[in-house]
N, C-alpha and C. Protein backbone atom coordinates (compact mmCIF):
# COMPACT_ATOMS: atom_id res chain seq x y z
N MET A 1 58.11 47.99 152.60
CA MET A 1 57.30 49.60 152.66
C MET A 1 56.77 49.12 154.12
N ALA A 2 57.54 49.64 154.83
CA ALA A 2 56.11 49.56 156.42
C ALA A 2 55.64 50.56 156.88
N ILE A 3 54.59 49.49 157.16
CA ILE A 3 53.35 50.71 157.82
C ILE A 3 53.31 50.97 158.58
N ASP A 4 52.97 52.32 159.07
CA ASP A 4 53.08 52.11 160.71
C ASP A 4 51.51 52.87 160.78
N VAL A 5 50.68 52.61 161.93
CA VAL A 5 49.29 53.04 162.00
C VAL A 5 48.96 53.48 163.59
N ARG A 6 48.52 54.75 163.30
CA ARG A 6 48.43 55.88 164.92
C ARG A 6 47.07 56.65 165.25
N PRO A 7 46.71 56.03 166.07
CA PRO A 7 45.76 57.16 166.19
C PRO A 7 45.82 58.57 165.55
N ALA A 8 44.70 59.55 165.13
CA ALA A 8 44.70 60.47 164.43
C ALA A 8 44.43 61.53 165.23
N SER A 9 46.05 61.81 165.89
CA SER A 9 45.68 62.96 166.57
C SER A 9 46.32 64.46 166.46
N VAL A 10 46.99 64.52 165.29
CA VAL A 10 47.30 64.94 164.74
C VAL A 10 46.96 65.50 163.12
N PHE A 11 46.30 66.83 163.88
CA PHE A 11 45.19 67.42 162.60
C PHE A 11 45.77 67.73 161.29
N GLU A 12 47.04 68.56 161.37
CA GLU A 12 47.92 68.71 159.98
C GLU A 12 47.73 67.17 159.61
N ASP A 13 48.00 65.85 159.78
CA ASP A 13 48.39 65.04 159.20
C ASP A 13 46.82 64.39 159.09
N VAL A 14 45.67 64.71 160.03
CA VAL A 14 44.45 64.40 158.89
C VAL A 14 44.58 65.42 157.55
N ALA A 15 44.07 66.17 157.56
CA ALA A 15 44.17 67.45 156.94
C ALA A 15 44.99 67.33 155.60
N ALA A 16 45.76 66.33 155.49
CA ALA A 16 46.58 65.84 154.26
C ALA A 16 45.71 64.93 153.93
N VAL A 17 45.19 64.40 154.67
CA VAL A 17 44.50 62.83 154.54
C VAL A 17 43.17 63.16 153.10
N LEU A 18 42.34 63.82 154.25
CA LEU A 18 41.31 64.24 153.71
C LEU A 18 40.58 65.72 153.85
N GLY A 19 41.87 66.76 153.49
CA GLY A 19 41.14 68.34 153.46
C GLY A 19 41.32 68.32 152.16
N PRO A 20 40.57 69.49 151.66
CA PRO A 20 40.41 70.36 150.72
C PRO A 20 42.15 70.55 150.49
N ARG A 21 42.11 70.94 148.73
CA ARG A 21 43.31 71.55 148.07
C ARG A 21 43.53 73.02 148.38
N SER A 22 41.84 73.68 148.08
CA SER A 22 41.39 74.95 148.18
C SER A 22 41.24 75.44 150.51
N PRO A 23 41.02 76.01 150.94
CA PRO A 23 41.00 76.14 151.93
C PRO A 23 39.54 76.02 152.57
N GLY A 24 39.25 76.81 151.22
CA GLY A 24 37.75 77.67 151.52
C GLY A 24 36.69 76.02 151.14
N ALA A 25 37.21 75.12 149.66
CA ALA A 25 36.39 74.47 150.29
C ALA A 25 35.13 73.21 150.28
N ASP A 26 34.96 73.30 150.70
CA ASP A 26 33.54 72.24 151.31
C ASP A 26 33.72 71.14 150.86
N VAL A 27 34.62 69.60 152.31
CA VAL A 27 34.85 68.65 151.54
C VAL A 27 34.37 67.96 152.94
N CYS A 28 34.26 66.20 152.85
CA CYS A 28 33.26 65.70 153.92
C CYS A 28 34.10 65.40 155.00
N TRP A 29 35.26 65.77 154.77
CA TRP A 29 36.47 66.20 155.96
C TRP A 29 36.15 64.35 157.15
N CYS A 30 35.09 63.62 156.80
CA CYS A 30 34.36 62.33 157.23
C CYS A 30 33.96 62.40 158.17
N LEU A 31 32.92 63.42 158.00
CA LEU A 31 31.55 64.12 159.42
C LEU A 31 30.43 63.51 158.96
N SER A 32 29.74 63.13 157.31
CA SER A 32 28.97 62.97 157.31
C SER A 32 28.14 61.78 158.55
N TYR A 33 28.92 60.60 158.57
CA TYR A 33 28.16 59.55 159.27
C TYR A 33 28.15 60.15 161.27
N ARG A 34 29.51 61.40 161.29
CA ARG A 34 29.42 61.41 162.09
C ARG A 34 29.20 62.39 162.76
N ILE A 35 28.53 63.26 162.60
CA ILE A 35 27.59 64.02 163.17
C ILE A 35 25.94 64.45 163.03
N PRO A 36 25.16 65.27 164.11
CA PRO A 36 23.99 64.88 163.04
C PRO A 36 23.68 65.64 162.01
N SER A 37 22.63 65.43 161.44
CA SER A 37 22.99 66.30 159.93
C SER A 37 22.61 67.49 159.39
N ARG A 38 21.76 67.81 160.73
CA ARG A 38 21.91 69.52 160.53
C ARG A 38 22.97 70.44 160.44
N LEU A 39 24.30 70.10 161.74
CA LEU A 39 25.19 70.34 161.65
C LEU A 39 25.89 70.05 160.83
N ASN A 40 25.69 68.85 160.04
CA ASN A 40 26.75 68.91 158.46
C ASN A 40 26.69 69.42 158.39
N ARG A 41 25.18 70.25 157.28
CA ARG A 41 24.79 71.12 156.58
C ARG A 41 25.43 72.04 157.26
N GLU A 42 25.75 72.56 158.21
CA GLU A 42 26.20 74.15 158.02
C GLU A 42 26.83 74.10 158.43
N LEU A 43 28.06 73.27 158.60
CA LEU A 43 29.93 73.55 158.92
C LEU A 43 30.10 73.62 157.71
N ARG A 44 31.09 75.05 157.14
CA ARG A 44 31.00 74.95 155.99
C ARG A 44 32.11 75.78 155.57
N GLY A 45 33.21 75.32 154.69
CA GLY A 45 34.38 75.85 154.74
C GLY A 45 35.65 74.63 155.70
N PRO A 46 35.93 76.38 155.92
CA PRO A 46 37.03 76.36 157.08
C PRO A 46 36.68 75.18 158.50
N ALA A 47 34.86 76.33 159.03
CA ALA A 47 34.67 75.32 159.78
C ALA A 47 34.66 73.83 160.13
N ARG A 48 34.41 73.18 158.58
CA ARG A 48 35.05 72.33 158.88
C ARG A 48 35.89 71.35 159.33
N GLY A 49 37.33 71.73 159.46
CA GLY A 49 38.41 71.86 159.00
C GLY A 49 38.57 71.85 160.47
N GLU A 50 38.17 73.22 161.70
CA GLU A 50 37.70 73.86 163.04
C GLU A 50 37.53 72.41 163.57
N TYR A 51 35.92 72.10 163.17
CA TYR A 51 35.36 71.22 164.28
C TYR A 51 36.04 69.85 164.08
N VAL A 52 36.98 69.01 162.56
CA VAL A 52 38.07 67.73 162.68
C VAL A 52 39.16 67.95 164.09
N ALA A 53 39.83 69.66 163.86
CA ALA A 53 40.87 69.68 164.31
C ALA A 53 40.65 69.41 165.82
N GLY A 54 39.05 69.64 166.72
CA GLY A 54 39.17 69.93 167.73
C GLY A 54 38.44 67.87 167.83
N LEU A 55 38.31 67.60 167.21
CA LEU A 55 38.32 65.70 167.82
C LEU A 55 39.21 65.62 167.58
N CYS A 56 40.53 65.64 166.96
CA CYS A 56 41.50 65.68 167.36
C CYS A 56 42.69 65.62 168.42
N ARG A 57 42.10 67.00 168.61
CA ARG A 57 42.15 67.25 170.23
C ARG A 57 41.84 66.70 171.27
N ALA A 58 40.82 66.29 170.93
CA ALA A 58 39.76 65.24 172.14
C ALA A 58 40.41 63.77 172.52
N ASP A 59 40.05 63.53 173.49
CA ASP A 59 40.54 62.70 174.73
C ASP A 59 40.82 61.04 173.43
N LEU A 60 39.51 61.23 172.49
CA LEU A 60 39.49 59.40 171.36
C LEU A 60 39.41 60.94 170.55
N PRO A 61 40.71 59.62 170.00
CA PRO A 61 40.02 60.37 168.20
C PRO A 61 40.01 60.05 167.10
N PRO A 62 39.00 60.60 165.81
CA PRO A 62 38.43 60.50 165.28
C PRO A 62 38.60 59.76 164.74
N GLY A 63 39.74 58.49 164.93
CA GLY A 63 40.46 57.44 163.62
C GLY A 63 41.53 56.87 164.14
N VAL A 64 42.69 56.38 162.74
CA VAL A 64 43.50 56.58 162.31
C VAL A 64 44.52 56.96 161.23
N LEU A 65 45.61 56.78 161.33
CA LEU A 65 46.47 57.25 159.98
C LEU A 65 46.72 56.56 160.11
N ALA A 66 47.49 55.51 158.66
CA ALA A 66 48.19 55.21 158.07
C ALA A 66 49.82 56.59 157.60
N TYR A 67 50.75 55.73 158.47
CA TYR A 67 52.54 56.49 157.79
C TYR A 67 53.11 55.30 157.01
N ASP A 68 53.72 56.28 156.29
CA ASP A 68 54.12 56.21 155.33
C ASP A 68 56.08 56.65 156.20
N GLY A 69 56.38 56.47 156.68
CA GLY A 69 57.50 56.78 157.66
C GLY A 69 57.03 57.87 158.53
N ASP A 70 57.76 59.32 157.76
CA ASP A 70 56.49 60.44 158.44
C ASP A 70 55.58 60.81 157.50
N GLU A 71 55.16 60.74 156.59
CA GLU A 71 54.29 61.13 155.56
C GLU A 71 53.02 59.91 155.94
N PRO A 72 51.77 60.48 156.07
CA PRO A 72 50.25 60.16 156.17
C PRO A 72 50.12 60.10 154.83
N VAL A 73 49.74 58.63 155.60
CA VAL A 73 49.46 57.51 153.86
C VAL A 73 47.77 57.85 153.64
N GLY A 74 46.65 57.72 154.56
CA GLY A 74 45.94 56.13 154.95
C GLY A 74 45.71 56.70 155.87
N TRP A 75 43.33 56.96 155.72
CA TRP A 75 43.06 57.22 157.17
C TRP A 75 41.42 56.03 157.22
N ALA A 76 41.75 55.81 158.62
CA ALA A 76 40.30 55.11 158.62
C ALA A 76 39.18 55.27 159.92
N ALA A 77 37.84 56.13 159.72
CA ALA A 77 37.26 55.71 160.52
C ALA A 77 36.78 55.28 161.34
N VAL A 78 36.85 55.00 162.56
CA VAL A 78 36.03 54.48 163.23
C VAL A 78 35.87 55.45 164.72
N ALA A 79 34.72 54.43 165.24
CA ALA A 79 34.39 55.32 166.83
C ALA A 79 32.96 53.98 167.05
N PRO A 80 33.01 54.25 168.50
CA PRO A 80 31.51 53.84 168.92
C PRO A 80 30.02 54.09 168.11
N ARG A 81 29.61 53.14 167.70
CA ARG A 81 28.71 53.07 166.36
C ARG A 81 27.76 53.88 167.60
N ALA A 82 27.01 54.36 168.74
CA ALA A 82 26.78 55.11 169.47
C ALA A 82 26.50 56.31 169.40
N ASP A 83 27.60 57.29 169.22
CA ASP A 83 28.44 58.16 169.04
C ASP A 83 28.25 58.30 167.48
N THR A 84 27.67 58.07 166.72
CA THR A 84 27.27 57.74 164.37
C THR A 84 26.09 58.39 164.52
N SER A 85 25.67 58.28 163.20
CA SER A 85 24.96 58.11 162.48
C SER A 85 24.34 57.10 162.38
N PHE A 86 25.16 56.09 162.41
CA PHE A 86 24.30 54.52 162.59
C PHE A 86 23.95 54.45 163.18
N ALA A 87 24.33 54.71 164.70
CA ALA A 87 23.19 54.43 165.88
C ALA A 87 21.41 54.50 165.40
N ARG A 88 21.28 56.12 164.71
CA ARG A 88 19.97 55.62 164.23
C ARG A 88 19.88 55.20 163.00
N ASN A 89 20.67 54.81 161.73
CA ASN A 89 20.21 54.57 160.80
C ASN A 89 19.17 53.96 160.02
N ARG A 90 18.45 53.47 159.47
CA ARG A 90 17.38 52.63 159.59
C ARG A 90 17.43 51.49 158.57
N LYS A 91 18.63 51.70 157.39
CA LYS A 91 18.81 51.37 156.40
C LYS A 91 20.44 50.55 156.88
N ILE A 92 20.95 50.44 158.01
CA ILE A 92 21.67 49.40 158.16
C ILE A 92 21.12 48.59 159.78
N PRO A 93 21.05 47.08 159.82
CA PRO A 93 20.14 46.96 160.92
C PRO A 93 20.96 46.72 162.48
N HIS A 94 20.68 47.17 163.25
CA HIS A 94 21.57 46.58 164.74
C HIS A 94 21.68 45.19 164.09
N VAL A 95 22.66 43.92 165.06
CA VAL A 95 22.39 43.55 164.93
C VAL A 95 22.46 42.69 166.39
N ASP A 96 22.33 43.20 167.74
CA ASP A 96 22.03 42.69 169.12
C ASP A 96 22.33 44.40 169.80
N ASP A 97 22.30 44.09 170.88
CA ASP A 97 22.70 45.40 172.07
C ASP A 97 23.81 45.71 172.93
N LEU A 98 25.03 44.91 171.60
CA LEU A 98 26.39 44.30 171.88
C LEU A 98 26.71 46.31 171.56
N PRO A 99 27.23 47.17 172.86
CA PRO A 99 27.56 48.43 172.28
C PRO A 99 29.17 48.38 171.46
N VAL A 100 29.17 47.67 169.86
CA VAL A 100 29.48 48.25 169.05
C VAL A 100 30.65 49.16 168.35
N TRP A 101 31.51 48.86 167.30
CA TRP A 101 32.17 50.45 166.98
C TRP A 101 31.78 50.17 165.76
N SER A 102 31.64 51.08 164.67
CA SER A 102 31.33 51.11 163.90
C SER A 102 32.37 51.52 162.68
N LEU A 103 33.55 51.37 161.86
CA LEU A 103 34.57 51.63 161.25
C LEU A 103 34.49 51.82 159.38
N TRP A 104 33.41 53.22 159.28
CA TRP A 104 33.11 52.81 157.82
C TRP A 104 33.86 54.17 157.34
N CYS A 105 35.18 54.10 157.69
CA CYS A 105 35.99 55.12 155.40
C CYS A 105 36.65 54.59 155.69
N VAL A 106 37.28 54.31 154.75
CA VAL A 106 39.16 54.08 154.29
C VAL A 106 39.44 55.06 152.54
N ARG A 107 40.19 55.22 153.74
CA ARG A 107 40.79 56.42 152.18
C ARG A 107 42.92 56.23 152.17
N VAL A 108 43.44 56.02 150.87
CA VAL A 108 44.61 56.03 150.86
C VAL A 108 44.33 57.20 150.32
N ARG A 109 45.37 57.60 150.38
CA ARG A 109 46.24 58.73 148.98
C ARG A 109 46.61 58.29 147.82
N PRO A 110 45.79 58.80 146.77
CA PRO A 110 46.89 58.67 144.96
C PRO A 110 48.01 58.74 145.36
N GLY A 111 48.88 57.66 144.88
CA GLY A 111 50.42 57.39 144.98
C GLY A 111 50.35 57.02 145.47
N HIS A 112 49.58 56.30 146.81
CA HIS A 112 49.72 55.24 147.38
C HIS A 112 49.20 53.92 147.73
N ARG A 113 48.92 54.08 146.54
CA ARG A 113 47.49 52.50 146.55
C ARG A 113 47.89 51.36 146.03
N GLY A 114 47.42 50.35 146.15
CA GLY A 114 48.26 49.26 145.82
C GLY A 114 49.14 48.66 146.10
N GLN A 115 48.91 49.26 147.73
CA GLN A 115 50.81 49.08 148.40
C GLN A 115 50.57 48.22 149.59
N GLY A 116 49.09 47.74 149.77
CA GLY A 116 48.77 46.84 151.49
C GLY A 116 48.14 47.84 152.38
N ILE A 117 47.99 48.97 151.96
CA ILE A 117 47.86 50.33 152.99
C ILE A 117 46.50 49.78 153.06
N THR A 118 45.49 49.86 152.48
CA THR A 118 44.02 49.59 153.16
C THR A 118 43.74 48.35 154.46
N HIS A 119 45.12 47.18 154.11
CA HIS A 119 45.20 45.87 155.20
C HIS A 119 45.60 46.74 156.41
N ALA A 120 46.43 47.82 156.78
CA ALA A 120 47.35 47.69 157.04
C ALA A 120 46.38 49.37 158.19
N LEU A 121 44.99 50.03 157.70
CA LEU A 121 44.38 50.33 158.15
C LEU A 121 43.28 49.65 158.89
N LEU A 122 42.81 48.80 158.14
CA LEU A 122 42.05 47.75 158.79
C LEU A 122 41.72 47.62 159.77
N ALA A 123 43.85 47.15 160.05
CA ALA A 123 44.06 46.34 161.37
C ALA A 123 44.60 47.06 162.52
N GLY A 124 45.31 48.52 161.86
CA GLY A 124 44.84 49.36 163.18
C GLY A 124 43.57 49.37 163.67
N ALA A 125 43.13 50.33 163.16
CA ALA A 125 42.04 50.06 163.19
C ALA A 125 41.21 49.99 164.30
N VAL A 126 40.92 47.94 163.91
CA VAL A 126 40.86 47.02 165.39
C VAL A 126 40.93 47.35 166.34
N ASP A 127 42.81 47.60 166.22
CA ASP A 127 43.42 47.54 167.12
C ASP A 127 42.90 48.57 168.19
N PHE A 128 42.65 49.99 167.90
CA PHE A 128 42.91 50.98 167.85
C PHE A 128 40.89 51.18 169.08
N ALA A 129 40.36 50.47 168.26
CA ALA A 129 39.05 50.07 168.90
C ALA A 129 38.91 48.84 170.63
N ARG A 130 39.61 47.92 170.25
CA ARG A 130 40.59 46.88 170.51
C ARG A 130 40.73 47.43 172.06
N ALA A 131 41.81 48.35 172.19
CA ALA A 131 42.54 49.03 172.82
C ALA A 131 41.60 50.48 174.05
N HIS A 132 40.56 50.27 173.61
CA HIS A 132 39.22 51.23 173.92
C HIS A 132 38.39 50.29 174.35
N GLY A 133 38.64 49.17 174.61
CA GLY A 133 37.18 48.54 174.91
C GLY A 133 36.47 48.12 174.23
N ALA A 134 36.29 48.28 172.64
CA ALA A 134 35.12 47.73 172.09
C ALA A 134 34.57 46.14 171.92
N PRO A 135 33.88 45.64 171.98
CA PRO A 135 33.76 44.74 172.14
C PRO A 135 33.48 43.43 170.80
N ALA A 136 33.81 44.64 169.59
CA ALA A 136 33.38 43.76 168.26
C ALA A 136 33.71 45.94 167.60
N VAL A 137 33.59 45.35 166.03
CA VAL A 137 33.85 45.96 165.05
C VAL A 137 32.58 45.94 163.65
N GLU A 138 32.25 47.11 163.64
CA GLU A 138 31.14 46.63 162.81
C GLU A 138 31.85 47.95 161.36
N ALA A 139 31.39 47.08 159.66
CA ALA A 139 31.78 47.76 158.90
C ALA A 139 30.20 47.75 158.09
N TYR A 140 30.12 48.74 156.75
CA TYR A 140 29.54 48.06 156.40
C TYR A 140 29.86 48.52 154.48
N PRO A 141 30.21 47.70 153.72
CA PRO A 141 31.84 47.80 152.79
C PRO A 141 29.98 47.94 152.17
N LEU A 142 31.08 47.59 150.26
CA LEU A 142 29.93 47.81 149.61
C LEU A 142 30.00 46.79 149.30
N ASP A 143 28.48 45.59 149.12
CA ASP A 143 29.08 44.29 147.79
C ASP A 143 29.33 43.99 146.95
N ASN A 144 30.73 44.66 146.25
CA ASN A 144 30.33 44.43 144.44
C ASN A 144 30.76 43.81 143.52
N GLY A 145 31.48 42.44 144.23
CA GLY A 145 31.60 40.56 143.82
C GLY A 145 32.78 41.00 143.14
N ASP A 146 32.54 41.38 141.53
CA ASP A 146 33.55 41.67 140.61
C ASP A 146 33.40 42.80 140.43
N ALA A 147 33.01 43.50 140.18
CA ALA A 147 32.04 44.62 139.94
C ALA A 147 33.83 45.43 140.41
N ARG A 148 33.46 46.81 139.02
CA ARG A 148 34.91 47.66 139.68
C ARG A 148 33.87 48.85 140.55
N VAL A 149 33.85 49.52 141.23
CA VAL A 149 34.20 50.28 142.62
C VAL A 149 34.73 52.01 141.83
N ASP A 150 34.18 53.25 141.59
CA ASP A 150 34.43 54.48 141.40
C ASP A 150 35.64 54.82 142.59
N LEU A 151 36.79 55.48 142.81
CA LEU A 151 37.67 55.45 144.14
C LEU A 151 36.99 56.24 144.66
N THR A 152 36.22 57.45 144.18
CA THR A 152 35.76 58.29 144.77
C THR A 152 33.79 57.24 145.59
N MET A 153 33.79 56.34 145.78
CA MET A 153 32.61 56.55 146.25
C MET A 153 32.95 54.70 147.70
N ALA A 154 34.05 54.18 146.67
CA ALA A 154 34.96 53.40 146.94
C ALA A 154 35.40 53.44 149.31
N TYR A 155 34.78 54.58 149.51
CA TYR A 155 34.92 54.79 150.67
C TYR A 155 34.87 53.71 152.09
N ALA A 156 33.40 53.75 152.11
CA ALA A 156 33.10 52.42 152.55
C ALA A 156 33.85 50.71 153.06
N GLY A 157 34.68 50.45 151.73
CA GLY A 157 35.46 50.12 151.77
C GLY A 157 35.10 48.61 151.22
N LEU A 158 35.04 47.28 150.53
CA LEU A 158 34.77 46.86 149.97
C LEU A 158 34.86 45.03 151.24
N ARG A 159 33.26 44.14 150.24
CA ARG A 159 33.62 42.98 151.39
C ARG A 159 34.32 42.37 151.15
N ALA A 160 35.27 42.14 150.04
CA ALA A 160 36.64 41.15 150.39
C ALA A 160 37.66 41.66 151.09
N ASN A 161 37.23 42.76 151.10
CA ASN A 161 38.78 43.09 151.91
C ASN A 161 38.88 42.94 153.53
N PHE A 162 37.85 43.42 154.47
CA PHE A 162 37.20 43.39 155.41
C PHE A 162 37.05 42.23 155.58
N ALA A 163 36.51 40.78 154.56
CA ALA A 163 36.99 39.33 154.29
C ALA A 163 37.99 39.32 155.01
N ARG A 164 39.42 39.87 154.93
CA ARG A 164 40.35 39.17 154.68
C ARG A 164 40.84 39.61 155.81
N ALA A 165 40.38 40.65 156.42
CA ALA A 165 40.60 40.85 157.53
C ALA A 165 40.34 40.74 159.16
N GLY A 166 39.07 39.14 158.42
CA GLY A 166 39.06 38.70 158.94
C GLY A 166 37.48 39.07 160.26
N PHE A 167 36.64 39.71 159.33
CA PHE A 167 35.46 40.14 159.44
C PHE A 167 34.63 39.08 158.56
N THR A 168 32.90 38.88 159.03
CA THR A 168 32.53 37.98 158.67
C THR A 168 30.67 39.28 158.43
N HIS A 169 30.20 38.12 157.92
CA HIS A 169 28.92 39.00 156.83
C HIS A 169 27.99 38.13 158.32
N ALA A 170 27.72 39.58 158.85
CA ALA A 170 26.19 39.28 159.89
C ALA A 170 25.40 40.19 159.83
N ALA A 171 24.78 40.68 158.40
CA ALA A 171 22.93 41.22 158.05
C ALA A 171 23.50 41.74 156.69
N ASP A 172 22.58 42.10 156.42
CA ASP A 172 22.21 42.43 154.70
C ASP A 172 22.05 43.10 155.37
N THR A 173 21.27 44.68 154.03
CA THR A 173 21.18 45.95 154.47
C THR A 173 20.35 46.37 153.73
N THR A 174 19.55 47.52 153.35
CA THR A 174 18.55 48.07 152.67
C THR A 174 19.27 49.08 152.36
N SER A 175 20.94 49.13 152.26
CA SER A 175 21.85 50.67 151.62
C SER A 175 22.71 49.98 150.44
N VAL A 176 22.09 51.03 150.14
CA VAL A 176 23.04 51.48 148.14
C VAL A 176 24.15 52.14 148.19
N LEU A 177 25.43 52.10 147.67
CA LEU A 177 26.13 52.79 147.16
C LEU A 177 26.61 53.11 146.58
N ALA A 178 26.84 53.80 145.77
CA ALA A 178 27.86 53.43 143.80
C ALA A 178 26.94 52.81 143.66
N GLY A 179 25.69 52.40 143.84
CA GLY A 179 25.19 51.46 142.96
C GLY A 179 25.40 49.50 143.12
N HIS A 180 25.83 49.57 144.74
CA HIS A 180 26.97 48.09 145.09
C HIS A 180 24.90 48.25 146.33
N PRO A 181 25.37 46.81 146.82
CA PRO A 181 24.83 46.94 148.05
C PRO A 181 25.72 47.42 149.44
N ARG A 182 25.31 47.46 150.09
CA ARG A 182 26.21 47.53 151.58
C ARG A 182 25.73 46.55 152.21
N VAL A 183 26.18 45.27 153.31
CA VAL A 183 26.55 44.14 154.25
C VAL A 183 27.13 44.90 155.47
N LEU A 184 26.55 43.96 156.54
CA LEU A 184 27.01 44.68 157.66
C LEU A 184 27.87 43.21 158.03
N MET A 185 29.61 43.62 157.87
CA MET A 185 30.96 42.59 158.33
C MET A 185 30.06 43.08 159.22
N ARG A 186 30.78 42.27 161.05
CA ARG A 186 31.57 42.46 161.90
C ARG A 186 32.94 41.56 162.22
N LEU A 187 33.03 42.25 163.43
CA LEU A 187 35.00 41.36 163.81
C LEU A 187 34.28 41.63 165.61
N ASP A 188 34.31 40.11 166.47
CA ASP A 188 33.88 39.79 167.14
C ASP A 188 35.41 40.25 167.92
N LEU A 189 35.89 40.50 168.86
CA LEU A 189 36.97 40.81 169.52
C LEU A 189 36.89 40.65 171.47
N ARG A 190 35.76 39.61 171.43
CA ARG A 190 35.59 38.96 172.69
C ARG A 190 36.40 37.88 172.52
N ARG A 191 36.52 37.40 171.53
CA ARG A 191 37.79 36.00 171.80
C ARG A 191 39.11 36.89 171.03
N PRO A 192 39.93 36.20 171.79
CA PRO A 192 41.50 36.08 171.53
C PRO A 192 41.87 36.29 169.82
N ASP A 193 42.63 36.96 169.74
CA ASP A 193 42.75 37.57 168.27
C ASP A 193 43.45 36.67 167.27
N PRO A 194 42.39 35.68 166.32
CA PRO A 194 43.15 34.80 166.11
C PRO A 194 44.77 34.89 165.10
N THR A 195 44.74 35.88 164.49
CA THR A 195 46.22 36.39 164.02
C THR A 195 47.33 36.68 164.95
N ALA A 196 46.84 36.63 166.20
CA ALA A 196 48.17 36.79 167.16
C ALA A 196 49.31 36.15 166.99
N PRO A 197 50.31 36.26 167.16
CA PRO A 197 51.99 34.97 167.66
C PRO A 197 51.25 34.44 168.41
């Protein structure tokens, strides 16, 4: 299976991965860390999808999608940290003043898991950030060790997956998700890609 990762500029494809089964339902749409908390509370039902549709039309799409052929099968949110709530998050430290990008949500559709799509999404998100001038990409995954993680709460990713993608531990955090501590992992993009041929 060849997985292709592309910028998330087609709203219908984003909706296929992130949208609700019922159009009026309230789901995250991966907005919780992207927009101010007040706006996040105010946007209800279809208004959430409409907001994401606007993000997809922007010059800088809200992330990347993984495709198996023409079918969208996965999503990764990636954006400048300064444009997210992580810019003000007191539980997740700033390592330095570098204008890093944040990669905070990875999702693979049911029926497509266990096929390497997460790995492709992480690589694609890093390539997307690099292409837009990011000096580094940060993630805040769960440090779960060998413990199982409820799939609904695994959106932040797992430390081991980010380590396999070349990210290194940069700092501990005081953030806890699904009973597991989160760590700050970083991939410096200012030096050549060690996996490039």
